[in-house]
PDB file of N, CA and C in Angstrom:
ATOM      1  N   MET A   1      -5.605 -59.347  65.580  1.00  0.00           N
ATOM      2  CA  MET A   1      -4.924 -58.139  65.314  1.00  0.00           C
ATOM      3  C   MET A   1      -5.858 -56.931  65.401  1.00  0.00           C
ATOM      4  N   SER A   2      -5.468 -55.905  66.111  1.00  0.00           N
ATOM      5  CA  SER A   2      -6.266 -54.763  66.214  1.00  0.00           C
ATOM      6  C   SER A   2      -6.358 -53.919  64.923  1.00  0.00           C
ATOM      7  N   SER A   3      -7.343 -53.014  64.896  1.00  0.00           N
ATOM      8  CA  SER A   3      -7.382 -52.157  63.665  1.00  0.00           C
ATOM      9  C   SER A   3      -6.202 -51.199  63.654  1.00  0.00           C
ATOM     10  N   LEU A   4      -5.630 -50.784  64.788  1.00  0.00           N
ATOM     11  CA  LEU A   4      -4.455 -49.948  64.846  1.00  0.00           C
ATOM     12  C   LEU A   4      -3.231 -50.747  64.396  1.00  0.00           C
ATOM     13  N   GLU A   5      -3.123 -51.972  64.725  1.00  0.00           N
ATOM     14  CA  GLU A   5      -1.994 -52.802  64.181  1.00  0.00           C
ATOM     15  C   GLU A   5      -2.117 -52.993  62.652  1.00  0.00           C
ATOM     16  N   ALA A   6      -3.331 -53.189  62.203  1.00  0.00           N
ATOM     17  CA  ALA A   6      -3.575 -53.375  60.811  1.00  0.00           C
ATOM     18  C   ALA A   6      -3.177 -52.104  60.025  1.00  0.00           C
ATOM     19  N   GLN A   7      -3.564 -50.968  60.580  1.00  0.00           N
ATOM     20  CA  GLN A   7      -3.233 -49.623  60.018  1.00  0.00           C
ATOM     21  C   GLN A   7      -1.712 -49.428  59.986  1.00  0.00           C
ATOM     22  N   THR A   8      -1.080 -49.845  61.101  1.00  0.00           N
ATOM     23  CA  THR A   8       0.370 -49.746  61.189  1.00  0.00           C
ATOM     24  C   THR A   8       1.074 -50.597  60.117  1.00  0.00           C
ATOM     25  N   LEU A   9       0.651 -51.822  59.931  1.00  0.00           N
ATOM     26  CA  LEU A   9       1.189 -52.664  58.893  1.00  0.00           C
ATOM     27  C   LEU A   9       0.912 -52.099  57.433  1.00  0.00           C
ATOM     28  N   ARG A  10      -0.311 -51.593  57.288  1.00  0.00           N
ATOM     29  CA  ARG A  10      -0.639 -51.037  55.929  1.00  0.00           C
ATOM     30  C   ARG A  10       0.303 -49.879  55.603  1.00  0.00           C
ATOM     31  N   HIS A  11       0.515 -48.998  56.653  1.00  0.00           N
ATOM     32  CA  HIS A  11       1.379 -47.774  56.499  1.00  0.00           C
ATOM     33  C   HIS A  11       2.838 -48.341  56.235  1.00  0.00           C
ATOM     34  N   PHE A  12       3.235 -49.345  57.004  1.00  0.00           N
ATOM     35  CA  PHE A  12       4.563 -49.848  56.779  1.00  0.00           C
ATOM     36  C   PHE A  12       4.764 -50.360  55.362  1.00  0.00           C
ATOM     37  N   ILE A  13       3.859 -51.114  54.885  1.00  0.00           N
ATOM     38  CA  ILE A  13       4.007 -51.616  53.499  1.00  0.00           C
ATOM     39  C   ILE A  13       3.921 -50.521  52.425  1.00  0.00           C
ATOM     40  N   GLU A  14       3.070 -49.516  52.620  1.00  0.00           N
ATOM     41  CA  GLU A  14       2.973 -48.399  51.729  1.00  0.00           C
ATOM     42  C   GLU A  14       4.185 -47.544  51.713  1.00  0.00           C
ATOM     43  N   SER A  15       5.000 -47.491  52.818  1.00  0.00           N
ATOM     44  CA  SER A  15       6.167 -46.714  52.879  1.00  0.00           C
ATOM     45  C   SER A  15       7.382 -47.340  52.270  1.00  0.00           C
ATOM     46  N   GLN A  16       7.275 -48.636  51.919  1.00  0.00           N
ATOM     47  CA  GLN A  16       8.410 -49.369  51.328  1.00  0.00           C
ATOM     48  C   GLN A  16       8.585 -49.017  49.786  1.00  0.00           C
ATOM     49  N   ASP A  17       9.795 -49.228  49.301  1.00  0.00           N
ATOM     50  CA  ASP A  17      10.046 -49.086  47.825  1.00  0.00           C
ATOM     51  C   ASP A  17       9.229 -50.185  47.150  1.00  0.00           C
ATOM     52  N   GLN A  18       9.089 -50.009  45.862  1.00  0.00           N
ATOM     53  CA  GLN A  18       8.231 -50.848  44.981  1.00  0.00           C
ATOM     54  C   GLN A  18       8.649 -52.300  45.096  1.00  0.00           C
ATOM     55  N   VAL A  19       9.890 -52.635  44.953  1.00  0.00           N
ATOM     56  CA  VAL A  19      10.452 -54.001  45.018  1.00  0.00           C
ATOM     57  C   VAL A  19      10.086 -54.662  46.431  1.00  0.00           C
ATOM     58  N   SER A  20      10.277 -53.932  47.530  1.00  0.00           N
ATOM     59  CA  SER A  20       9.992 -54.485  48.833  1.00  0.00           C
ATOM     60  C   SER A  20       8.465 -54.714  48.984  1.00  0.00           C
ATOM     61  N   ARG A  21       7.689 -53.770  48.474  1.00  0.00           N
ATOM     62  CA  ARG A  21       6.225 -54.023  48.531  1.00  0.00           C
ATOM     63  C   ARG A  21       5.818 -55.292  47.762  1.00  0.00           C
ATOM     64  N   TYR A  22       6.452 -55.408  46.577  1.00  0.00           N
ATOM     65  CA  TYR A  22       6.138 -56.640  45.781  1.00  0.00           C
ATOM     66  C   TYR A  22       6.481 -57.916  46.515  1.00  0.00           C
ATOM     67  N   ILE A  23       7.717 -57.923  47.132  1.00  0.00           N
ATOM     68  CA  ILE A  23       8.183 -59.062  47.912  1.00  0.00           C
ATOM     69  C   ILE A  23       7.217 -59.425  49.007  1.00  0.00           C
ATOM     70  N   LEU A  24       6.807 -58.449  49.789  1.00  0.00           N
ATOM     71  CA  LEU A  24       5.854 -58.580  50.817  1.00  0.00           C
ATOM     72  C   LEU A  24       4.493 -59.148  50.406  1.00  0.00           C
ATOM     73  N   LEU A  25       3.998 -58.481  49.291  1.00  0.00           N
ATOM     74  CA  LEU A  25       2.686 -58.917  48.864  1.00  0.00           C
ATOM     75  C   LEU A  25       2.713 -60.290  48.206  1.00  0.00           C
ATOM     76  N   LEU A  26       3.771 -60.581  47.406  1.00  0.00           N
ATOM     77  CA  LEU A  26       3.881 -61.919  46.767  1.00  0.00           C
ATOM     78  C   LEU A  26       4.029 -63.003  47.850  1.00  0.00           C
ATOM     79  N   HIS A  27       4.825 -62.698  48.847  1.00  0.00           N
ATOM     80  CA  HIS A  27       4.951 -63.694  49.907  1.00  0.00           C
ATOM     81  C   HIS A  27       3.749 -63.940  50.759  1.00  0.00           C
ATOM     82  N   TYR A  28       3.170 -62.847  51.296  1.00  0.00           N
ATOM     83  CA  TYR A  28       2.099 -62.989  52.252  1.00  0.00           C
ATOM     84  C   TYR A  28       0.628 -63.062  51.564  1.00  0.00           C
ATOM     85  N   TYR A  29       0.509 -62.416  50.446  1.00  0.00           N
ATOM     86  CA  TYR A  29      -0.894 -62.406  49.824  1.00  0.00           C
ATOM     87  C   TYR A  29      -0.987 -63.633  48.844  1.00  0.00           C
ATOM     88  N   ASP A  30       0.077 -63.717  47.976  1.00  0.00           N
ATOM     89  CA  ASP A  30       0.010 -64.683  46.987  1.00  0.00           C
ATOM     90  C   ASP A  30       0.707 -66.085  47.483  1.00  0.00           C
ATOM     91  N   GLU A  31       1.299 -66.028  48.659  1.00  0.00           N
ATOM     92  CA  GLU A  31       1.948 -67.217  49.266  1.00  0.00           C
ATOM     93  C   GLU A  31       2.992 -67.871  48.370  1.00  0.00           C
ATOM     94  N   LEU A  32       3.813 -66.980  47.705  1.00  0.00           N
ATOM     95  CA  LEU A  32       4.900 -67.535  46.912  1.00  0.00           C
ATOM     96  C   LEU A  32       6.117 -67.742  47.765  1.00  0.00           C
ATOM     97  N   THR A  33       6.968 -68.705  47.413  1.00  0.00           N
ATOM     98  CA  THR A  33       8.202 -68.958  48.126  1.00  0.00           C
ATOM     99  C   THR A  33       9.231 -67.861  47.704  1.00  0.00           C
ATOM    100  N   THR A  34      10.395 -67.775  48.405  1.00  0.00           N
ATOM    101  CA  THR A  34      11.403 -66.838  47.969  1.00  0.00           C
ATOM    102  C   THR A  34      11.912 -67.150  46.619  1.00  0.00           C
ATOM    103  N   LYS A  35      12.038 -68.396  46.283  1.00  0.00           N
ATOM    104  CA  LYS A  35      12.475 -68.826  44.946  1.00  0.00           C
ATOM    105  C   LYS A  35      11.502 -68.319  43.878  1.00  0.00           C
ATOM    106  N   GLU A  36      10.244 -68.500  44.163  1.00  0.00           N
ATOM    107  CA  GLU A  36       9.186 -68.082  43.153  1.00  0.00           C
ATOM    108  C   GLU A  36       9.210 -66.585  42.940  1.00  0.00           C
ATOM    109  N   ILE A  37       9.359 -65.934  44.123  1.00  0.00           N
ATOM    110  CA  ILE A  37       9.376 -64.460  44.059  1.00  0.00           C
ATOM    111  C   ILE A  37      10.572 -64.001  43.226  1.00  0.00           C
ATOM    112  N   GLY A  38      11.749 -64.582  43.421  1.00  0.00           N
ATOM    113  CA  GLY A  38      12.914 -64.298  42.696  1.00  0.00           C
ATOM    114  C   GLY A  38      12.679 -64.437  41.177  1.00  0.00           C
ATOM    115  N   LEU A  39      12.017 -65.534  40.815  1.00  0.00           N
ATOM    116  CA  LEU A  39      11.743 -65.764  39.420  1.00  0.00           C
ATOM    117  C   LEU A  39      10.792 -64.665  38.882  1.00  0.00           C
ATOM    118  N   VAL A  40       9.761 -64.332  39.625  1.00  0.00           N
ATOM    119  CA  VAL A  40       8.806 -63.382  39.098  1.00  0.00           C
ATOM    120  C   VAL A  40       9.431 -61.955  38.984  1.00  0.00           C
ATOM    121  N   LEU A  41      10.295 -61.573  39.956  1.00  0.00           N
ATOM    122  CA  LEU A  41      10.906 -60.226  40.014  1.00  0.00           C
ATOM    123  C   LEU A  41      12.298 -60.169  39.387  1.00  0.00           C
ATOM    124  N   ASP A  42      12.744 -61.331  38.841  1.00  0.00           N
ATOM    125  CA  ASP A  42      14.099 -61.415  38.358  1.00  0.00           C
ATOM    126  C   ASP A  42      15.138 -60.974  39.304  1.00  0.00           C
ATOM    127  N   LEU A  43      15.059 -61.572  40.587  1.00  0.00           N
ATOM    128  CA  LEU A  43      15.988 -61.319  41.594  1.00  0.00           C
ATOM    129  C   LEU A  43      16.486 -62.696  42.148  1.00  0.00           C
ATOM    130  N   SER A  44      17.643 -62.675  42.796  1.00  0.00           N
ATOM    131  CA  SER A  44      18.164 -63.876  43.324  1.00  0.00           C
ATOM    132  C   SER A  44      17.318 -64.346  44.484  1.00  0.00           C
ATOM    133  N   GLU A  45      17.249 -65.665  44.663  1.00  0.00           N
ATOM    134  CA  GLU A  45      16.517 -66.193  45.849  1.00  0.00           C
ATOM    135  C   GLU A  45      17.231 -65.664  47.100  1.00  0.00           C
ATOM    136  N   SER A  46      18.522 -65.647  47.174  1.00  0.00           N
ATOM    137  CA  SER A  46      19.221 -65.072  48.291  1.00  0.00           C
ATOM    138  C   SER A  46      18.805 -63.623  48.626  1.00  0.00           C
ATOM    139  N   TYR A  47      18.822 -62.802  47.626  1.00  0.00           N
ATOM    140  CA  TYR A  47      18.397 -61.473  47.887  1.00  0.00           C
ATOM    141  C   TYR A  47      16.948 -61.331  48.449  1.00  0.00           C
ATOM    142  N   VAL A  48      16.058 -62.069  47.864  1.00  0.00           N
ATOM    143  CA  VAL A  48      14.674 -62.055  48.278  1.00  0.00           C
ATOM    144  C   VAL A  48      14.545 -62.494  49.718  1.00  0.00           C
ATOM    145  N   SER A  49      15.313 -63.556  50.031  1.00  0.00           N
ATOM    146  CA  SER A  49      15.264 -64.138  51.388  1.00  0.00           C
ATOM    147  C   SER A  49      15.791 -63.123  52.410  1.00  0.00           C
ATOM    148  N   LYS A  50      16.941 -62.467  52.050  1.00  0.00           N
ATOM    149  CA  LYS A  50      17.475 -61.504  53.007  1.00  0.00           C
ATOM    150  C   LYS A  50      16.577 -60.243  53.108  1.00  0.00           C
ATOM    151  N   ARG A  51      16.044 -59.862  51.997  1.00  0.00           N
ATOM    152  CA  ARG A  51      15.203 -58.648  52.084  1.00  0.00           C
ATOM    153  C   ARG A  51      13.923 -58.884  52.835  1.00  0.00           C
ATOM    154  N   LEU A  52      13.311 -60.093  52.637  1.00  0.00           N
ATOM    155  CA  LEU A  52      12.213 -60.498  53.369  1.00  0.00           C
ATOM    156  C   LEU A  52      12.354 -60.557  54.846  1.00  0.00           C
ATOM    157  N   GLY A  53      13.507 -61.121  55.229  1.00  0.00           N
ATOM    158  CA  GLY A  53      13.925 -61.175  56.624  1.00  0.00           C
ATOM    159  C   GLY A  53      14.123 -59.787  57.197  1.00  0.00           C
ATOM    160  N   HIS A  54      14.665 -58.942  56.546  1.00  0.00           N
ATOM    161  CA  HIS A  54      14.892 -57.555  56.981  1.00  0.00           C
ATOM    162  C   HIS A  54      13.522 -56.857  57.136  1.00  0.00           C
ATOM    163  N   LEU A  55      12.644 -57.014  56.150  1.00  0.00           N
ATOM    164  CA  LEU A  55      11.344 -56.400  56.226  1.00  0.00           C
ATOM    165  C   LEU A  55      10.528 -56.980  57.358  1.00  0.00           C
ATOM    166  N   GLN A  56      10.646 -58.242  57.676  1.00  0.00           N
ATOM    167  CA  GLN A  56       9.900 -58.796  58.674  1.00  0.00           C
ATOM    168  C   GLN A  56      10.344 -58.316  60.061  1.00  0.00           C
ATOM    169  N   GLN A  57      11.606 -58.018  60.209  1.00  0.00           N
ATOM    170  CA  GLN A  57      12.153 -57.413  61.420  1.00  0.00           C
ATOM    171  C   GLN A  57      11.660 -55.980  61.620  1.00  0.00           C
ATOM    172  N   GLN A  58      11.660 -55.211  60.438  1.00  0.00           N
ATOM    173  CA  GLN A  58      11.187 -53.843  60.548  1.00  0.00           C
ATOM    174  C   GLN A  58       9.707 -53.822  60.882  1.00  0.00           C
ATOM    175  N   ALA A  59       8.932 -54.702  60.346  1.00  0.00           N
ATOM    176  CA  ALA A  59       7.486 -54.771  60.610  1.00  0.00           C
ATOM    177  C   ALA A  59       7.245 -55.141  62.094  1.00  0.00           C
ATOM    178  N   GLN A  60       7.997 -56.100  62.568  1.00  0.00           N
ATOM    179  CA  GLN A  60       7.804 -56.454  63.992  1.00  0.00           C
ATOM    180  C   GLN A  60       8.173 -55.315  64.903  1.00  0.00           C
ATOM    181  N   GLN A  61       9.288 -54.490  64.587  1.00  0.00           N
ATOM    182  CA  GLN A  61       9.545 -53.287  65.325  1.00  0.00           C
ATOM    183  C   GLN A  61       8.310 -52.312  65.359  1.00  0.00           C
ATOM    184  N   GLN A  62       7.884 -52.095  64.172  1.00  0.00           N
ATOM    185  CA  GLN A  62       6.715 -51.150  64.057  1.00  0.00           C
ATOM    186  C   GLN A  62       5.572 -51.544  64.910  1.00  0.00           C
ATOM    187  N   LEU A  63       5.263 -52.916  64.899  1.00  0.00           N
ATOM    188  CA  LEU A  63       4.106 -53.459  65.654  1.00  0.00           C
ATOM    189  C   LEU A  63       4.429 -53.347  67.166  1.00  0.00           C
ATOM    190  N   LEU A  64       5.648 -53.520  67.575  1.00  0.00           N
ATOM    191  CA  LEU A  64       6.010 -53.287  69.043  1.00  0.00           C
ATOM    192  C   LEU A  64       5.815 -51.904  69.447  1.00  0.00           C
ATOM    193  N   LEU A  65       6.252 -50.931  68.584  1.00  0.00           N
ATOM    194  CA  LEU A  65       6.039 -49.535  68.940  1.00  0.00           C
ATOM    195  C   LEU A  65       4.608 -49.190  68.988  1.00  0.00           C
ATOM    196  N   CYS A  66       3.782 -49.762  68.066  1.00  0.00           N
ATOM    197  CA  CYS A  66       2.323 -49.545  68.063  1.00  0.00           C
ATOM    198  C   CYS A  66       1.713 -50.029  69.350  1.00  0.00           C
ATOM    199  N   ARG A  67       2.118 -51.247  69.750  1.00  0.00           N
ATOM    200  CA  ARG A  67       1.577 -51.815  70.973  1.00  0.00           C
ATOM    201  C   ARG A  67       1.983 -51.062  72.182  1.00  0.00           C
ATOM    202  N   SER A  68       3.221 -50.591  72.202  1.00  0.00           N
ATOM    203  CA  SER A  68       3.691 -49.796  73.382  1.00  0.00           C
ATOM    204  C   SER A  68       2.975 -48.548  73.446  1.00  0.00           C
ATOM    205  N   ALA A  69       2.795 -47.905  72.354  1.00  0.00           N
ATOM    206  CA  ALA A  69       2.028 -46.614  72.345  1.00  0.00           C
ATOM    207  C   ALA A  69       0.528 -46.875  72.772  1.00  0.00           C
ATOM    208  N   SER A  70       0.027 -47.921  72.377  1.00  0.00           N
ATOM    209  CA  SER A  70      -1.328 -48.310  72.744  1.00  0.00           C
ATOM    210  C   SER A  70      -1.463 -48.531  74.252  1.00  0.00           C
ATOM    211  N   LYS A  71      -0.503 -49.217  74.836  1.00  0.00           N
ATOM    212  CA  LYS A  71      -0.503 -49.546  76.255  1.00  0.00           C
ATOM    213  C   LYS A  71      -0.321 -48.221  77.019  1.00  0.00           C
ATOM    214  N   THR A  72       0.571 -47.357  76.620  1.00  0.00           N
ATOM    215  CA  THR A  72       0.769 -46.142  77.245  1.00  0.00           C
ATOM    216  C   THR A  72      -0.483 -45.219  77.264  1.00  0.00           C
ATOM    217  N   LYS A  73      -1.166 -45.214  76.116  1.00  0.00           N
ATOM    218  CA  LYS A  73      -2.481 -44.429  76.115  1.00  0.00           C
ATOM    219  C   LYS A  73      -3.493 -45.057  77.104  1.00  0.00           C
ATOM    220  N   ALA A  74      -3.540 -46.376  77.144  1.00  0.00           N
ATOM    221  CA  ALA A  74      -4.475 -47.029  78.024  1.00  0.00           C
ATOM    222  C   ALA A  74      -4.146 -46.772  79.484  1.00  0.00           C
ATOM    223  N   SER A  75      -2.839 -46.766  79.800  1.00  0.00           N
ATOM    224  CA  SER A  75      -2.441 -46.487  81.164  1.00  0.00           C
ATOM    225  C   SER A  75      -2.768 -45.086  81.516  1.00  0.00           C
ATOM    226  N   THR A  76      -2.440 -44.127  80.635  1.00  0.00           N
ATOM    227  CA  THR A  76      -2.791 -42.790  80.898  1.00  0.00           C
ATOM    228  C   THR A  76      -4.255 -42.548  81.141  1.00  0.00           C
ATOM    229  N   ALA A  77      -5.120 -43.180  80.293  1.00  0.00           N
ATOM    230  CA  ALA A  77      -6.544 -43.117  80.429  1.00  0.00           C
ATOM    231  C   ALA A  77      -7.012 -43.657  81.781  1.00  0.00           C
ATOM    232  N   SER A  78      -6.459 -44.768  82.177  1.00  0.00           N
ATOM    233  CA  SER A  78      -6.740 -45.396  83.455  1.00  0.00           C
ATOM    234  C   SER A  78      -6.418 -44.430  84.591  1.00  0.00           C
ATOM    235  N   LEU A  79      -5.209 -43.822  84.562  1.00  0.00           N
ATOM    236  CA  LEU A  79      -4.814 -42.902  85.580  1.00  0.00           C
ATOM    237  C   LEU A  79      -5.637 -41.675  85.671  1.00  0.00           C
ATOM    238  N   SER A  80      -6.058 -41.244  84.440  1.00  0.00           N
ATOM    239  CA  SER A  80      -6.990 -40.105  84.405  1.00  0.00           C
ATOM    240  C   SER A  80      -8.366 -40.405  85.008  1.00  0.00           C
ATOM    241  N   ALA A  81      -8.799 -41.631  84.843  1.00  0.00           N
ATOM    242  CA  ALA A  81     -10.110 -41.996  85.420  1.00  0.00           C
ATOM    243  C   ALA A  81     -10.044 -42.057  86.883  1.00  0.00           C
ATOM    244  N   ILE A  82      -8.905 -42.473  87.500  1.00  0.00           N
ATOM    245  CA  ILE A  82      -8.683 -42.563  88.918  1.00  0.00           C
ATOM    246  C   ILE A  82      -8.684 -41.221  89.515  1.00  0.00           C
ATOM    247  N   ALA A  83      -8.021 -40.261  88.889  1.00  0.00           N
ATOM    248  CA  ALA A  83      -7.815 -38.946  89.422  1.00  0.00           C
ATOM    249  C   ALA A  83      -9.048 -38.164  89.363  1.00  0.00           C
TER     250      ALA A  83
END
């Protein structure tokens, strides 16, 4: 993962509401299951699972945008070098 991608993910996590940040951190950092996260945050496992899935989709979209922007910049730089 590039530093730009890491920055993008960090910004994505920081831009989420508190519960969403906790869900992400408990799942990916502490490696808790959705059931365990539900117990810790007093939420249903179903809610945690749905929220985690939605957050994963959003994060993937952000990374795709980051990669697209990165490729566009690289292409522009290559074209500038040729000209």
